[in-house]
Amino acid sequence: MTDVTMRDRFGSYSMLTGHEGSGRCWWCGGEFPDRRPRRFCSRDCSEAYNGQFVWTIAAGRALRLHPCCADCGVRRQDYHDRLGGRCNLEVHHIDPLNGEDRNHSVKNHPDNLVVLCHDCHMKRHHPEPQPKGPPPVPLFDYAGVSL
């Protein structure tokens, strides 16, 4: 998806729901209760929109809802990094950003986020290469016994 950046009186934004810049609520598309300039018709719509598309909010929500690594199961209170005892669970995009803006993206949707410990996160980004070709032949094979 190609982001198109636009501007309004509050700053720049990207088209994520299709309601942005329409003069209606960015989340539900409803009309505003008054003529005051705004992006959302209610606090609920603002929280729903930001929870789906704003990285800091979506990632924080994922960490609160899933306090353990999805791959190895290590729990937040059991995992501490070596540099100071901080919890080192991280949020990973299942469908990668591929250069898109992390701050506001449809890829920050909760269904596209998974909580991982640092080690499992690195394995997702840098998987071990699979061996190519046939398996190696044993040096000696006497009567079906390999050394």
N, C-alpha and C. Protein backbone atom coordinates (compact mmCIF):
# COMPACT_ATOMS: atom_id res chain seq x y z
N MET A 1 0.85 -1.18 0.00
CA MET A 1 0.00 0.00 0.00
C MET A 1 0.89 1.24 0.00
N THR A 2 0.62 2.16 -0.85
CA THR A 2 1.38 3.39 -0.94
C THR A 2 0.70 4.45 -0.09
N ASP A 3 1.45 5.03 0.83
CA ASP A 3 0.91 6.09 1.67
C ASP A 3 0.95 7.40 0.93
N VAL A 4 -0.15 8.12 0.97
CA VAL A 4 -0.22 9.46 0.42
C VAL A 4 -0.29 10.40 1.60
N THR A 5 0.70 11.26 1.76
CA THR A 5 0.73 12.17 2.89
C THR A 5 0.03 13.47 2.52
N MET A 6 -0.88 13.89 3.39
CA MET A 6 -1.64 15.12 3.18
C MET A 6 -1.48 15.98 4.43
N ARG A 7 -1.98 17.20 4.37
CA ARG A 7 -1.88 18.10 5.52
C ARG A 7 -3.23 18.74 5.80
N ASP A 8 -3.46 19.01 7.09
CA ASP A 8 -4.59 19.83 7.49
C ASP A 8 -4.09 20.77 8.58
N ARG A 9 -4.96 21.48 9.24
CA ARG A 9 -4.53 22.47 10.23
C ARG A 9 -3.85 21.84 11.45
N PHE A 10 -4.00 20.53 11.64
CA PHE A 10 -3.38 19.84 12.78
C PHE A 10 -2.04 19.22 12.43
N GLY A 11 -1.69 19.15 11.15
CA GLY A 11 -0.43 18.56 10.73
C GLY A 11 -0.62 17.62 9.55
N SER A 12 0.38 16.80 9.29
CA SER A 12 0.31 15.88 8.15
C SER A 12 -0.36 14.57 8.58
N TYR A 13 -0.90 13.87 7.60
CA TYR A 13 -1.55 12.59 7.87
C TYR A 13 -1.53 11.75 6.61
N SER A 14 -1.80 10.47 6.78
CA SER A 14 -1.90 9.53 5.66
C SER A 14 -3.32 9.01 5.59
N MET A 15 -3.75 8.64 4.40
CA MET A 15 -5.07 8.04 4.21
C MET A 15 -5.02 6.60 4.69
N LEU A 16 -5.73 6.30 5.77
CA LEU A 16 -5.75 4.95 6.32
C LEU A 16 -7.14 4.34 6.30
N THR A 17 -8.17 5.12 6.60
CA THR A 17 -9.54 4.60 6.60
C THR A 17 -10.35 5.08 5.41
N GLY A 18 -9.90 6.15 4.77
CA GLY A 18 -10.66 6.74 3.68
C GLY A 18 -11.50 7.92 4.14
N HIS A 19 -11.65 8.10 5.46
CA HIS A 19 -12.42 9.22 5.98
C HIS A 19 -11.53 10.45 6.26
N GLU A 20 -10.22 10.26 6.26
CA GLU A 20 -9.32 11.36 6.56
C GLU A 20 -9.51 12.48 5.56
N GLY A 21 -9.54 13.71 6.05
CA GLY A 21 -9.65 14.88 5.19
C GLY A 21 -11.01 15.09 4.57
N SER A 22 -12.01 14.33 5.00
CA SER A 22 -13.34 14.42 4.38
C SER A 22 -14.26 15.41 5.10
N GLY A 23 -13.79 15.95 6.22
CA GLY A 23 -14.67 16.81 7.02
C GLY A 23 -15.59 16.00 7.92
N ARG A 24 -15.31 14.70 8.02
CA ARG A 24 -16.08 13.81 8.88
C ARG A 24 -15.12 13.11 9.84
N CYS A 25 -15.69 12.38 10.80
CA CYS A 25 -14.87 11.64 11.76
C CYS A 25 -13.98 10.65 11.02
N TRP A 26 -12.69 10.65 11.37
CA TRP A 26 -11.74 9.78 10.70
C TRP A 26 -11.99 8.31 10.98
N TRP A 27 -12.63 7.97 12.09
CA TRP A 27 -12.85 6.57 12.42
C TRP A 27 -14.19 6.06 11.88
N CYS A 28 -15.26 6.71 12.25
CA CYS A 28 -16.59 6.19 11.91
C CYS A 28 -17.22 6.89 10.69
N GLY A 29 -16.66 8.00 10.26
CA GLY A 29 -17.22 8.73 9.14
C GLY A 29 -18.44 9.56 9.50
N GLY A 30 -18.77 9.61 10.80
CA GLY A 30 -19.94 10.37 11.24
C GLY A 30 -19.69 11.88 11.20
N GLU A 31 -20.77 12.60 11.26
CA GLU A 31 -20.67 14.06 11.25
C GLU A 31 -20.27 14.56 12.63
N PHE A 32 -19.63 15.71 12.65
CA PHE A 32 -19.23 16.32 13.91
C PHE A 32 -20.43 17.01 14.56
N PRO A 33 -20.48 17.02 15.90
CA PRO A 33 -21.62 17.63 16.59
C PRO A 33 -21.66 19.16 16.47
N ASP A 34 -20.54 19.76 16.09
CA ASP A 34 -20.50 21.22 15.92
C ASP A 34 -19.53 21.56 14.80
N ARG A 35 -19.32 22.81 14.54
CA ARG A 35 -18.47 23.25 13.43
C ARG A 35 -17.00 23.37 13.81
N ARG A 36 -16.65 23.06 15.05
CA ARG A 36 -15.28 23.17 15.51
C ARG A 36 -14.38 22.21 14.72
N PRO A 37 -13.20 22.66 14.24
CA PRO A 37 -12.30 21.79 13.49
C PRO A 37 -11.80 20.64 14.38
N ARG A 38 -11.85 19.45 13.87
CA ARG A 38 -11.39 18.28 14.61
C ARG A 38 -11.23 17.12 13.66
N ARG A 39 -10.70 16.02 14.17
CA ARG A 39 -10.53 14.81 13.37
C ARG A 39 -11.49 13.70 13.78
N PHE A 40 -11.97 13.72 15.02
CA PHE A 40 -12.82 12.65 15.53
C PHE A 40 -14.07 13.23 16.17
N CYS A 41 -15.17 12.48 16.09
CA CYS A 41 -16.43 12.97 16.67
C CYS A 41 -16.53 12.68 18.15
N SER A 42 -15.69 11.78 18.67
CA SER A 42 -15.75 11.44 20.10
C SER A 42 -14.41 10.89 20.56
N ARG A 43 -14.26 10.82 21.86
CA ARG A 43 -13.05 10.24 22.44
C ARG A 43 -12.95 8.75 22.07
N ASP A 44 -14.09 8.05 22.04
CA ASP A 44 -14.08 6.63 21.68
C ASP A 44 -13.55 6.42 20.27
N CYS A 45 -13.97 7.25 19.33
CA CYS A 45 -13.48 7.14 17.95
C CYS A 45 -11.98 7.45 17.88
N SER A 46 -11.54 8.45 18.62
CA SER A 46 -10.12 8.80 18.65
C SER A 46 -9.29 7.63 19.18
N GLU A 47 -9.73 7.02 20.28
CA GLU A 47 -8.99 5.90 20.87
C GLU A 47 -9.00 4.68 19.96
N ALA A 48 -10.13 4.42 19.32
CA ALA A 48 -10.21 3.27 18.41
C ALA A 48 -9.28 3.45 17.22
N TYR A 49 -9.30 4.62 16.60
CA TYR A 49 -8.45 4.91 15.45
C TYR A 49 -6.97 4.80 15.84
N ASN A 50 -6.60 5.48 16.92
CA ASN A 50 -5.20 5.48 17.32
C ASN A 50 -4.73 4.09 17.73
N GLY A 51 -5.60 3.30 18.35
CA GLY A 51 -5.24 1.94 18.74
C GLY A 51 -5.02 1.02 17.56
N GLN A 52 -5.56 1.35 16.41
CA GLN A 52 -5.40 0.54 15.21
C GLN A 52 -4.21 0.97 14.35
N PHE A 53 -3.88 2.26 14.35
CA PHE A 53 -2.93 2.77 13.37
C PHE A 53 -1.69 3.44 13.95
N VAL A 54 -1.72 3.92 15.18
CA VAL A 54 -0.57 4.64 15.77
C VAL A 54 0.33 3.64 16.48
N TRP A 55 1.59 3.56 16.04
CA TRP A 55 2.53 2.55 16.51
C TRP A 55 2.68 2.52 18.02
N THR A 56 2.92 3.64 18.66
CA THR A 56 3.18 3.63 20.10
C THR A 56 1.98 3.10 20.88
N ILE A 57 0.79 3.42 20.45
CA ILE A 57 -0.41 2.97 21.15
C ILE A 57 -0.68 1.49 20.85
N ALA A 58 -0.58 1.10 19.59
CA ALA A 58 -0.83 -0.30 19.20
C ALA A 58 0.21 -1.23 19.83
N ALA A 59 1.47 -0.83 19.83
CA ALA A 59 2.52 -1.67 20.41
C ALA A 59 2.35 -1.78 21.92
N GLY A 60 2.04 -0.67 22.58
CA GLY A 60 1.81 -0.70 24.03
C GLY A 60 0.64 -1.59 24.39
N ARG A 61 -0.41 -1.54 23.61
CA ARG A 61 -1.58 -2.39 23.85
C ARG A 61 -1.21 -3.86 23.66
N ALA A 62 -0.43 -4.17 22.63
CA ALA A 62 -0.02 -5.56 22.40
C ALA A 62 0.80 -6.09 23.57
N LEU A 63 1.70 -5.27 24.10
CA LEU A 63 2.52 -5.70 25.23
C LEU A 63 1.68 -5.91 26.49
N ARG A 64 0.66 -5.08 26.69
CA ARG A 64 -0.22 -5.26 27.86
C ARG A 64 -1.07 -6.51 27.73
N LEU A 65 -1.56 -6.78 26.53
CA LEU A 65 -2.46 -7.92 26.33
C LEU A 65 -1.73 -9.26 26.26
N HIS A 66 -0.48 -9.24 25.83
CA HIS A 66 0.29 -10.49 25.63
C HIS A 66 1.62 -10.38 26.38
N PRO A 67 1.64 -10.74 27.67
CA PRO A 67 2.85 -10.55 28.49
C PRO A 67 3.90 -11.65 28.32
N CYS A 68 3.83 -12.44 27.24
CA CYS A 68 4.85 -13.46 27.03
C CYS A 68 5.17 -13.58 25.54
N CYS A 69 6.30 -14.19 25.25
CA CYS A 69 6.76 -14.38 23.87
C CYS A 69 5.85 -15.39 23.17
N ALA A 70 5.37 -15.04 21.99
CA ALA A 70 4.47 -15.93 21.24
C ALA A 70 5.19 -17.16 20.71
N ASP A 71 6.51 -17.11 20.55
CA ASP A 71 7.25 -18.25 19.99
C ASP A 71 7.75 -19.21 21.07
N CYS A 72 8.43 -18.69 22.09
CA CYS A 72 9.03 -19.59 23.09
C CYS A 72 8.27 -19.60 24.41
N GLY A 73 7.37 -18.64 24.61
CA GLY A 73 6.54 -18.64 25.82
C GLY A 73 7.15 -17.99 27.04
N VAL A 74 8.36 -17.45 26.91
CA VAL A 74 8.97 -16.81 28.08
C VAL A 74 8.09 -15.64 28.52
N ARG A 75 7.91 -15.52 29.83
CA ARG A 75 7.03 -14.48 30.35
C ARG A 75 7.81 -13.21 30.66
N ARG A 76 7.11 -12.09 30.64
CA ARG A 76 7.72 -10.79 30.87
C ARG A 76 8.56 -10.77 32.14
N GLN A 77 8.03 -11.28 33.24
CA GLN A 77 8.75 -11.20 34.51
C GLN A 77 9.93 -12.17 34.57
N ASP A 78 9.99 -13.16 33.65
CA ASP A 78 11.10 -14.12 33.65
C ASP A 78 12.23 -13.72 32.73
N TYR A 79 12.00 -12.78 31.84
CA TYR A 79 12.99 -12.45 30.83
C TYR A 79 13.56 -11.06 31.10
N HIS A 80 14.84 -10.98 31.30
CA HIS A 80 15.51 -9.70 31.50
C HIS A 80 16.75 -9.66 30.63
N ASP A 81 17.01 -8.52 30.06
CA ASP A 81 18.20 -8.44 29.23
C ASP A 81 19.45 -8.36 30.11
N ARG A 82 20.58 -8.54 29.47
CA ARG A 82 21.84 -8.60 30.20
C ARG A 82 22.37 -7.22 30.59
N LEU A 83 21.73 -6.15 30.12
CA LEU A 83 22.29 -4.82 30.32
C LEU A 83 21.59 -3.99 31.39
N GLY A 84 20.83 -4.59 32.24
CA GLY A 84 20.23 -3.76 33.26
C GLY A 84 18.94 -4.30 33.84
N GLY A 85 18.59 -5.52 33.53
CA GLY A 85 17.43 -6.11 34.15
C GLY A 85 16.09 -5.63 33.63
N ARG A 86 16.07 -4.96 32.47
CA ARG A 86 14.80 -4.51 31.91
C ARG A 86 14.10 -5.67 31.21
N CYS A 87 12.79 -5.61 31.20
CA CYS A 87 12.02 -6.57 30.41
C CYS A 87 12.32 -6.29 28.94
N ASN A 88 12.55 -7.33 28.19
CA ASN A 88 12.96 -7.13 26.80
C ASN A 88 12.02 -7.84 25.84
N LEU A 89 10.70 -7.71 26.07
CA LEU A 89 9.75 -8.19 25.08
C LEU A 89 9.56 -7.10 24.03
N GLU A 90 9.40 -7.51 22.79
CA GLU A 90 9.32 -6.58 21.67
C GLU A 90 8.09 -6.90 20.82
N VAL A 91 7.64 -5.93 20.07
CA VAL A 91 6.48 -6.13 19.20
C VAL A 91 6.98 -6.21 17.75
N HIS A 92 6.54 -7.25 17.06
CA HIS A 92 6.99 -7.55 15.70
C HIS A 92 5.81 -7.45 14.73
N HIS A 93 6.04 -6.85 13.57
CA HIS A 93 5.04 -6.81 12.50
C HIS A 93 5.09 -8.13 11.73
N ILE A 94 3.99 -8.87 11.69
CA ILE A 94 3.94 -10.13 10.95
C ILE A 94 4.10 -9.84 9.46
N ASP A 95 3.30 -8.94 8.93
CA ASP A 95 3.47 -8.46 7.57
C ASP A 95 4.39 -7.26 7.66
N PRO A 96 5.64 -7.37 7.20
CA PRO A 96 6.64 -6.33 7.46
C PRO A 96 6.29 -4.97 6.84
N LEU A 97 6.86 -3.94 7.44
CA LEU A 97 6.62 -2.58 6.98
C LEU A 97 7.27 -2.31 5.62
N ASN A 98 8.41 -2.93 5.36
CA ASN A 98 9.12 -2.74 4.08
C ASN A 98 9.30 -1.27 3.73
N GLY A 99 9.81 -0.50 4.67
CA GLY A 99 10.11 0.90 4.42
C GLY A 99 8.97 1.85 4.67
N GLU A 100 7.77 1.35 4.99
CA GLU A 100 6.64 2.24 5.28
C GLU A 100 6.86 2.93 6.62
N ASP A 101 6.15 4.02 6.82
CA ASP A 101 6.23 4.77 8.06
C ASP A 101 5.66 3.94 9.21
N ARG A 102 6.45 3.71 10.23
CA ARG A 102 6.02 2.91 11.38
C ARG A 102 5.02 3.67 12.25
N ASN A 103 5.13 4.99 12.32
CA ASN A 103 4.33 5.77 13.26
C ASN A 103 2.83 5.69 12.98
N HIS A 104 2.43 5.78 11.73
CA HIS A 104 1.01 5.71 11.34
C HIS A 104 0.90 4.79 10.14
N SER A 105 0.35 3.60 10.38
CA SER A 105 0.28 2.63 9.29
C SER A 105 -0.86 1.64 9.53
N VAL A 106 -1.45 1.16 8.45
CA VAL A 106 -2.45 0.10 8.57
C VAL A 106 -1.80 -1.18 9.06
N LYS A 107 -0.50 -1.29 8.94
CA LYS A 107 0.20 -2.49 9.40
C LYS A 107 0.41 -2.51 10.91
N ASN A 108 -0.03 -1.47 11.61
CA ASN A 108 0.00 -1.46 13.07
C ASN A 108 -1.28 -2.06 13.66
N HIS A 109 -2.13 -2.63 12.83
CA HIS A 109 -3.36 -3.27 13.29
C HIS A 109 -2.99 -4.42 14.24
N PRO A 110 -3.75 -4.61 15.32
CA PRO A 110 -3.42 -5.66 16.30
C PRO A 110 -3.28 -7.06 15.69
N ASP A 111 -4.00 -7.37 14.63
CA ASP A 111 -3.89 -8.69 14.00
C ASP A 111 -2.56 -8.87 13.28
N ASN A 112 -1.83 -7.80 13.06
CA ASN A 112 -0.54 -7.88 12.37
C ASN A 112 0.63 -7.75 13.34
N LEU A 113 0.37 -7.73 14.63
CA LEU A 113 1.42 -7.58 15.63
C LEU A 113 1.53 -8.82 16.49
N VAL A 114 2.75 -9.19 16.84
CA VAL A 114 2.99 -10.32 17.73
C VAL A 114 4.08 -9.92 18.71
N VAL A 115 3.95 -10.35 19.97
CA VAL A 115 4.93 -10.04 21.01
C VAL A 115 5.95 -11.17 21.06
N LEU A 116 7.23 -10.79 21.01
CA LEU A 116 8.33 -11.75 21.02
C LEU A 116 9.42 -11.29 21.99
N CYS A 117 10.17 -12.26 22.54
CA CYS A 117 11.38 -11.87 23.28
C CYS A 117 12.42 -11.45 22.24
N HIS A 118 13.49 -10.82 22.69
CA HIS A 118 14.49 -10.31 21.75
C HIS A 118 15.09 -11.43 20.90
N ASP A 119 15.39 -12.57 21.52
CA ASP A 119 16.02 -13.67 20.78
C ASP A 119 15.10 -14.19 19.67
N CYS A 120 13.83 -14.40 19.99
CA CYS A 120 12.89 -14.88 18.97
C CYS A 120 12.63 -13.83 17.91
N HIS A 121 12.64 -12.55 18.30
CA HIS A 121 12.47 -11.47 17.34
C HIS A 121 13.61 -11.48 16.33
N MET A 122 14.84 -11.67 16.81
CA MET A 122 15.99 -11.72 15.91
C MET A 122 15.90 -12.93 14.97
N LYS A 123 15.39 -14.06 15.49
CA LYS A 123 15.24 -15.25 14.64
C LYS A 123 14.22 -15.00 13.53
N ARG A 124 13.18 -14.22 13.82
CA ARG A 124 12.18 -13.90 12.79
C ARG A 124 12.79 -13.02 11.70
N HIS A 125 13.66 -12.10 12.10
CA HIS A 125 14.26 -11.20 11.12
C HIS A 125 15.46 -11.81 10.41
N HIS A 126 16.16 -12.73 11.10
CA HIS A 126 17.36 -13.34 10.53
C HIS A 126 17.29 -14.85 10.73
N PRO A 127 16.41 -15.53 9.99
CA PRO A 127 16.29 -16.98 10.17
C PRO A 127 17.58 -17.68 9.73
N GLU A 128 17.83 -18.84 10.35
CA GLU A 128 19.01 -19.61 9.99
C GLU A 128 18.84 -20.12 8.56
N PRO A 129 19.90 -20.03 7.76
CA PRO A 129 19.78 -20.50 6.37
C PRO A 129 19.54 -22.02 6.33
N GLN A 130 18.69 -22.43 5.42
CA GLN A 130 18.42 -23.85 5.24
C GLN A 130 19.52 -24.45 4.38
N PRO A 131 19.99 -25.67 4.72
CA PRO A 131 21.04 -26.27 3.90
C PRO A 131 20.54 -26.53 2.48
N LYS A 132 21.45 -26.33 1.52
CA LYS A 132 21.10 -26.53 0.12
C LYS A 132 21.68 -27.86 -0.35
N GLY A 133 20.96 -28.52 -1.22
CA GLY A 133 21.45 -29.77 -1.78
C GLY A 133 21.17 -30.96 -0.89
N PRO A 134 21.68 -32.12 -1.29
CA PRO A 134 21.44 -33.34 -0.51
C PRO A 134 22.25 -33.31 0.79
N PRO A 135 21.82 -34.12 1.78
CA PRO A 135 22.58 -34.18 3.03
C PRO A 135 23.97 -34.77 2.77
N PRO A 136 24.93 -34.42 3.63
CA PRO A 136 26.29 -34.94 3.41
C PRO A 136 26.33 -36.47 3.55
N VAL A 137 27.21 -37.09 2.77
CA VAL A 137 27.38 -38.54 2.81
C VAL A 137 28.35 -38.87 3.94
N PRO A 138 28.03 -39.86 4.78
CA PRO A 138 28.96 -40.24 5.86
C PRO A 138 30.31 -40.67 5.29
N LEU A 139 31.38 -40.42 6.05
CA LEU A 139 32.71 -40.79 5.60
C LEU A 139 32.85 -42.29 5.45
N PHE A 140 32.34 -43.04 6.42
CA PHE A 140 32.43 -44.49 6.38
C PHE A 140 31.05 -45.06 6.61
N ASP A 141 30.72 -46.11 5.88
CA ASP A 141 29.43 -46.73 6.07
C ASP A 141 29.63 -48.24 5.93
N TYR A 142 29.98 -48.88 7.04
CA TYR A 142 30.20 -50.31 7.06
C TYR A 142 28.97 -50.98 7.66
N ALA A 143 28.34 -51.80 6.92
CA ALA A 143 27.18 -52.56 7.37
C ALA A 143 26.09 -51.64 7.94
N GLY A 144 25.91 -50.46 7.32
CA GLY A 144 24.85 -49.56 7.74
C GLY A 144 25.18 -48.76 8.97
N VAL A 145 26.43 -48.82 9.47
CA VAL A 145 26.84 -48.07 10.66
C VAL A 145 27.68 -46.87 10.22
N SER A 146 27.24 -45.69 10.59
CA SER A 146 27.99 -44.48 10.22
C SER A 146 28.84 -44.04 11.39
N LEU A 147 29.99 -43.51 11.06
CA LEU A 147 30.87 -42.97 12.11
C LEU A 147 30.85 -41.48 12.08
